[in-house]
């Protein structure tokens, strides 16, 4: 099984960005955690991070016929991007939405998620472990 993990804007700043919300671990720490979990499960995993909406759309489209599933944290684009929603819907790839924090407990606008409409599950507020749960969900869904 092959999974693509996509992280959106400002997640490259994990470890320094609002540590009271996101903690002190870095994006590299997250990728190492996911890789270790994938190795235990026999899953091939690749990573993509961008601060640009169009590049995220391109990555989703490029995943078609290459990956079995996508774990996506669109970050701020969660609340604004119909283009990312349409890309996931168009590819037909199973996708799980992940958020390190729980957007529903933050500002009102963060309660809106366009990407959720194309995802088989949403995990929020579980920190880095949410990505591991997302991988397990995808493994079950893609059997």
C-alpha atoms as a PDB file:
ATOM      1  CA  UNK A   1       0.000   0.000   0.000  1.00  0.00           C
ATOM      2  CA  UNK A   2       1.207   3.500  -0.859  1.00  0.00           C
ATOM      3  CA  UNK A   3       0.080   6.602   1.030  1.00  0.00           C
ATOM      4  CA  UNK A   4       0.807  10.248   0.291  1.00  0.00           C
ATOM      5  CA  UNK A   5       0.842  12.624   3.265  1.00  0.00           C
ATOM      6  CA  UNK A   6       0.088  16.218   2.277  1.00  0.00           C
ATOM      7  CA  UNK A   7       0.600  19.101   4.677  1.00  0.00           C
ATOM      8  CA  UNK A   8      -0.504  22.604   3.863  1.00  0.00           C
ATOM      9  CA  UNK A   9       0.553  26.147   4.624  1.00  0.00           C
ATOM     10  CA  UNK A  10       2.618  27.002   7.669  1.00  0.00           C
ATOM     11  CA  UNK A  11       3.004  23.393   8.768  1.00  0.00           C
ATOM     12  CA  UNK A  12       6.648  23.694   7.714  1.00  0.00           C
ATOM     13  CA  UNK A  13       6.892  25.969  10.782  1.00  0.00           C
ATOM     14  CA  UNK A  14       5.851  23.281  13.266  1.00  0.00           C
ATOM     15  CA  UNK A  15       8.017  23.582  16.347  1.00  0.00           C
ATOM     16  CA  UNK A  16       8.043  27.387  16.230  1.00  0.00           C
ATOM     17  CA  UNK A  17       4.509  28.193  15.075  1.00  0.00           C
ATOM     18  CA  UNK A  18       2.142  28.723  18.001  1.00  0.00           C
ATOM     19  CA  UNK A  19       3.686  26.020  20.223  1.00  0.00           C
ATOM     20  CA  UNK A  20       0.813  26.435  22.691  1.00  0.00           C
ATOM     21  CA  UNK A  21      -1.454  24.995  19.974  1.00  0.00           C
ATOM     22  CA  UNK A  22       0.845  22.794  17.882  1.00  0.00           C
ATOM     23  CA  UNK A  23       3.559  21.808  20.369  1.00  0.00           C
ATOM     24  CA  UNK A  24       7.322  21.924  19.992  1.00  0.00           C
ATOM     25  CA  UNK A  25       7.899  19.082  17.554  1.00  0.00           C
ATOM     26  CA  UNK A  26       8.845  19.831  13.965  1.00  0.00           C
ATOM     27  CA  UNK A  27       7.513  18.696  10.591  1.00  0.00           C
ATOM     28  CA  UNK A  28      10.551  16.404  10.342  1.00  0.00           C
ATOM     29  CA  UNK A  29       9.589  14.886  13.720  1.00  0.00           C
ATOM     30  CA  UNK A  30       6.083  14.277  12.339  1.00  0.00           C
ATOM     31  CA  UNK A  31       7.437  12.659   9.191  1.00  0.00           C
ATOM     32  CA  UNK A  32       9.752  10.418  11.242  1.00  0.00           C
ATOM     33  CA  UNK A  33       6.832   9.315  13.429  1.00  0.00           C
ATOM     34  CA  UNK A  34       4.682   8.525  10.390  1.00  0.00           C
ATOM     35  CA  UNK A  35       7.542   6.684   8.669  1.00  0.00           C
ATOM     36  CA  UNK A  36       8.136   4.496  11.738  1.00  0.00           C
ATOM     37  CA  UNK A  37       4.427   3.627  11.894  1.00  0.00           C
ATOM     38  CA  UNK A  38       4.343   2.917   8.152  1.00  0.00           C
ATOM     39  CA  UNK A  39       7.382   0.644   8.412  1.00  0.00           C
ATOM     40  CA  UNK A  40       5.670  -1.390  11.150  1.00  0.00           C
ATOM     41  CA  UNK A  41       2.538  -1.704   9.013  1.00  0.00           C
ATOM     42  CA  UNK A  42       4.332  -2.477   5.737  1.00  0.00           C
ATOM     43  CA  UNK A  43       3.119   0.738   4.111  1.00  0.00           C
ATOM     44  CA  UNK A  44       5.093   2.908   1.698  1.00  0.00           C
ATOM     45  CA  UNK A  45       4.701   6.571   2.578  1.00  0.00           C
ATOM     46  CA  UNK A  46       5.718   9.801   0.828  1.00  0.00           C
ATOM     47  CA  UNK A  47       5.469  13.378   2.039  1.00  0.00           C
ATOM     48  CA  UNK A  48       4.554  16.682   0.429  1.00  0.00           C
ATOM     49  CA  UNK A  49       4.310  20.080   2.099  1.00  0.00           C
ATOM     50  CA  UNK A  50       3.429  23.338   0.397  1.00  0.00           C
ATOM     51  CA  UNK A  51       2.297  26.819   1.229  1.00  0.00           C
ATOM     52  CA  UNK A  52       0.637  27.150  -2.193  1.00  0.00           C
ATOM     53  CA  UNK A  53      -2.883  26.038  -3.047  1.00  0.00           C
ATOM     54  CA  UNK A  54      -2.178  25.242  -6.711  1.00  0.00           C
ATOM     55  CA  UNK A  55       0.812  23.070  -5.804  1.00  0.00           C
ATOM     56  CA  UNK A  56      -1.412  21.132  -3.415  1.00  0.00           C
ATOM     57  CA  UNK A  57      -3.959  20.593  -6.206  1.00  0.00           C
ATOM     58  CA  UNK A  58      -1.131  19.437  -8.503  1.00  0.00           C
ATOM     59  CA  UNK A  59       0.134  16.978  -5.874  1.00  0.00           C
ATOM     60  CA  UNK A  60      -3.351  15.499  -5.419  1.00  0.00           C
ATOM     61  CA  UNK A  61      -3.839  15.118  -9.156  1.00  0.00           C
ATOM     62  CA  UNK A  62      -0.364  13.577  -9.552  1.00  0.00           C
ATOM     63  CA  UNK A  63      -1.231  11.002  -6.897  1.00  0.00           C
ATOM     64  CA  UNK A  64      -3.849   9.414  -9.166  1.00  0.00           C
ATOM     65  CA  UNK A  65      -2.852   5.856 -10.155  1.00  0.00           C
ATOM     66  CA  UNK A  66       0.250   6.153  -7.944  1.00  0.00           C
ATOM     67  CA  UNK A  67      -1.080   6.155  -4.360  1.00  0.00           C
ATOM     68  CA  UNK A  68      -3.808   4.122  -2.690  1.00  0.00           C
ATOM     69  CA  UNK A  69      -4.675   6.837  -0.212  1.00  0.00           C
ATOM     70  CA  UNK A  70      -3.963  10.375   0.926  1.00  0.00           C
ATOM     71  CA  UNK A  71      -3.636  11.770   4.419  1.00  0.00           C
ATOM     72  CA  UNK A  72      -4.217  15.504   4.107  1.00  0.00           C
ATOM     73  CA  UNK A  73      -3.911  18.414   6.471  1.00  0.00           C
ATOM     74  CA  UNK A  74      -4.789  21.345   4.217  1.00  0.00           C
ATOM     75  CA  UNK A  75      -4.294  23.711   7.176  1.00  0.00           C
ATOM     76  CA  UNK A  76      -5.835  27.115   6.395  1.00  0.00           C
ATOM     77  CA  UNK A  77      -6.996  25.867   2.978  1.00  0.00           C
ATOM     78  CA  UNK A  78      -9.393  23.563   4.825  1.00  0.00           C
ATOM     79  CA  UNK A  79     -11.675  26.523   5.320  1.00  0.00           C
ATOM     80  CA  UNK A  80     -11.319  28.183   1.924  1.00  0.00           C
ATOM     81  CA  UNK A  81     -10.417  25.834  -0.909  1.00  0.00           C
ATOM     82  CA  UNK A  82     -13.037  24.355  -3.175  1.00  0.00           C
ATOM     83  CA  UNK A  83     -10.167  23.668  -5.613  1.00  0.00           C
ATOM     84  CA  UNK A  84      -8.577  21.186  -3.195  1.00  0.00           C
ATOM     85  CA  UNK A  85     -11.971  19.578  -2.553  1.00  0.00           C
ATOM     86  CA  UNK A  86     -12.552  19.210  -6.291  1.00  0.00           C
ATOM     87  CA  UNK A  87      -9.073  17.724  -6.819  1.00  0.00           C
ATOM     88  CA  UNK A  88      -9.691  14.987  -4.235  1.00  0.00           C
ATOM     89  CA  UNK A  89     -13.173  14.288  -5.616  1.00  0.00           C
ATOM     90  CA  UNK A  90     -11.822  14.131  -9.172  1.00  0.00           C
ATOM     91  CA  UNK A  91      -9.065  11.620  -8.432  1.00  0.00           C
ATOM     92  CA  UNK A  92     -11.253   9.184  -6.523  1.00  0.00           C
ATOM     93  CA  UNK A  93      -8.387   8.478  -4.121  1.00  0.00           C
ATOM     94  CA  UNK A  94      -9.487   7.653  -0.581  1.00  0.00           C
ATOM     95  CA  UNK A  95      -8.545  10.552   1.647  1.00  0.00           C
ATOM     96  CA  UNK A  96      -8.489  11.209   5.392  1.00  0.00           C
ATOM     97  CA  UNK A  97      -8.513  14.784   6.709  1.00  0.00           C
ATOM     98  CA  UNK A  98      -6.246  15.413   9.708  1.00  0.00           C
ATOM     99  CA  UNK A  99      -5.783  18.420  11.972  1.00  0.00           C
ATOM    100  CA  UNK A 100      -3.250  18.557  14.804  1.00  0.00           C
ATOM    101  CA  UNK A 101      -5.492  20.880  16.807  1.00  0.00           C
ATOM    102  CA  UNK A 102      -9.272  20.749  16.960  1.00  0.00           C
ATOM    103  CA  UNK A 103     -10.501  23.517  14.648  1.00  0.00           C
ATOM    104  CA  UNK A 104     -13.968  23.314  16.208  1.00  0.00           C
ATOM    105  CA  UNK A 105     -12.598  24.710  19.470  1.00  0.00           C
ATOM    106  CA  UNK A 106     -10.875  27.660  17.819  1.00  0.00           C
ATOM    107  CA  UNK A 107     -12.126  30.643  15.811  1.00  0.00           C
ATOM    108  CA  UNK A 108     -15.594  30.329  14.308  1.00  0.00           C
ATOM    109  CA  UNK A 109     -14.364  30.309  10.680  1.00  0.00           C
ATOM    110  CA  UNK A 110     -12.241  27.220  11.373  1.00  0.00           C
ATOM    111  CA  UNK A 111     -15.392  25.119  11.860  1.00  0.00           C
ATOM    112  CA  UNK A 112     -15.918  25.107   8.077  1.00  0.00           C
ATOM    113  CA  UNK A 113     -14.177  22.300   6.192  1.00  0.00           C
ATOM    114  CA  UNK A 114     -14.618  22.011   2.457  1.00  0.00           C
ATOM    115  CA  UNK A 115     -12.223  19.053   2.136  1.00  0.00           C
ATOM    116  CA  UNK A 116     -14.314  17.007   4.575  1.00  0.00           C
ATOM    117  CA  UNK A 117     -16.922  16.500   1.851  1.00  0.00           C
ATOM    118  CA  UNK A 118     -14.463  14.300  -0.076  1.00  0.00           C
ATOM    119  CA  UNK A 119     -12.906  12.430   2.860  1.00  0.00           C
ATOM    120  CA  UNK A 120     -13.749   9.063   4.345  1.00  0.00           C
ATOM    121  CA  UNK A 121     -12.853  10.322   7.839  1.00  0.00           C
ATOM    122  CA  UNK A 122     -11.737  13.392   9.756  1.00  0.00           C
ATOM    123  CA  UNK A 123      -9.368  13.306  12.707  1.00  0.00           C
ATOM    124  CA  UNK A 124      -8.870  16.451  14.739  1.00  0.00           C
ATOM    125  CA  UNK A 125      -7.278  17.432  18.007  1.00  0.00           C
ATOM    126  CA  UNK A 126      -5.160  14.300  18.441  1.00  0.00           C
ATOM    127  CA  UNK A 127      -1.820  15.928  17.699  1.00  0.00           C
ATOM    128  CA  UNK A 128       0.677  13.989  15.622  1.00  0.00           C
ATOM    129  CA  UNK A 129      -1.014  10.705  16.553  1.00  0.00           C
ATOM    130  CA  UNK A 130      -3.950  11.707  14.364  1.00  0.00           C
ATOM    131  CA  UNK A 131      -1.813  10.994  11.307  1.00  0.00           C
ATOM    132  CA  UNK A 132      -1.163   7.451  12.535  1.00  0.00           C
ATOM    133  CA  UNK A 133      -4.873   6.902  13.077  1.00  0.00           C
ATOM    134  CA  UNK A 134      -5.501   8.217   9.563  1.00  0.00           C
ATOM    135  CA  UNK A 135      -3.052   5.679   8.147  1.00  0.00           C
ATOM    136  CA  UNK A 136      -4.831   2.860   9.967  1.00  0.00           C
ATOM    137  CA  UNK A 137      -8.193   4.061   8.615  1.00  0.00           C
ATOM    138  CA  UNK A 138      -6.823   4.120   5.064  1.00  0.00           C
ATOM    139  CA  UNK A 139      -5.340   0.639   5.456  1.00  0.00           C
ATOM    140  CA  UNK A 140      -8.750  -0.722   6.462  1.00  0.00           C
ATOM    141  CA  UNK A 141     -10.563   1.201   3.727  1.00  0.00           C
ATOM    142  CA  UNK A 142      -8.220   0.068   0.952  1.00  0.00           C
ATOM    143  CA  UNK A 143      -8.282  -3.672   1.711  1.00  0.00           C
END
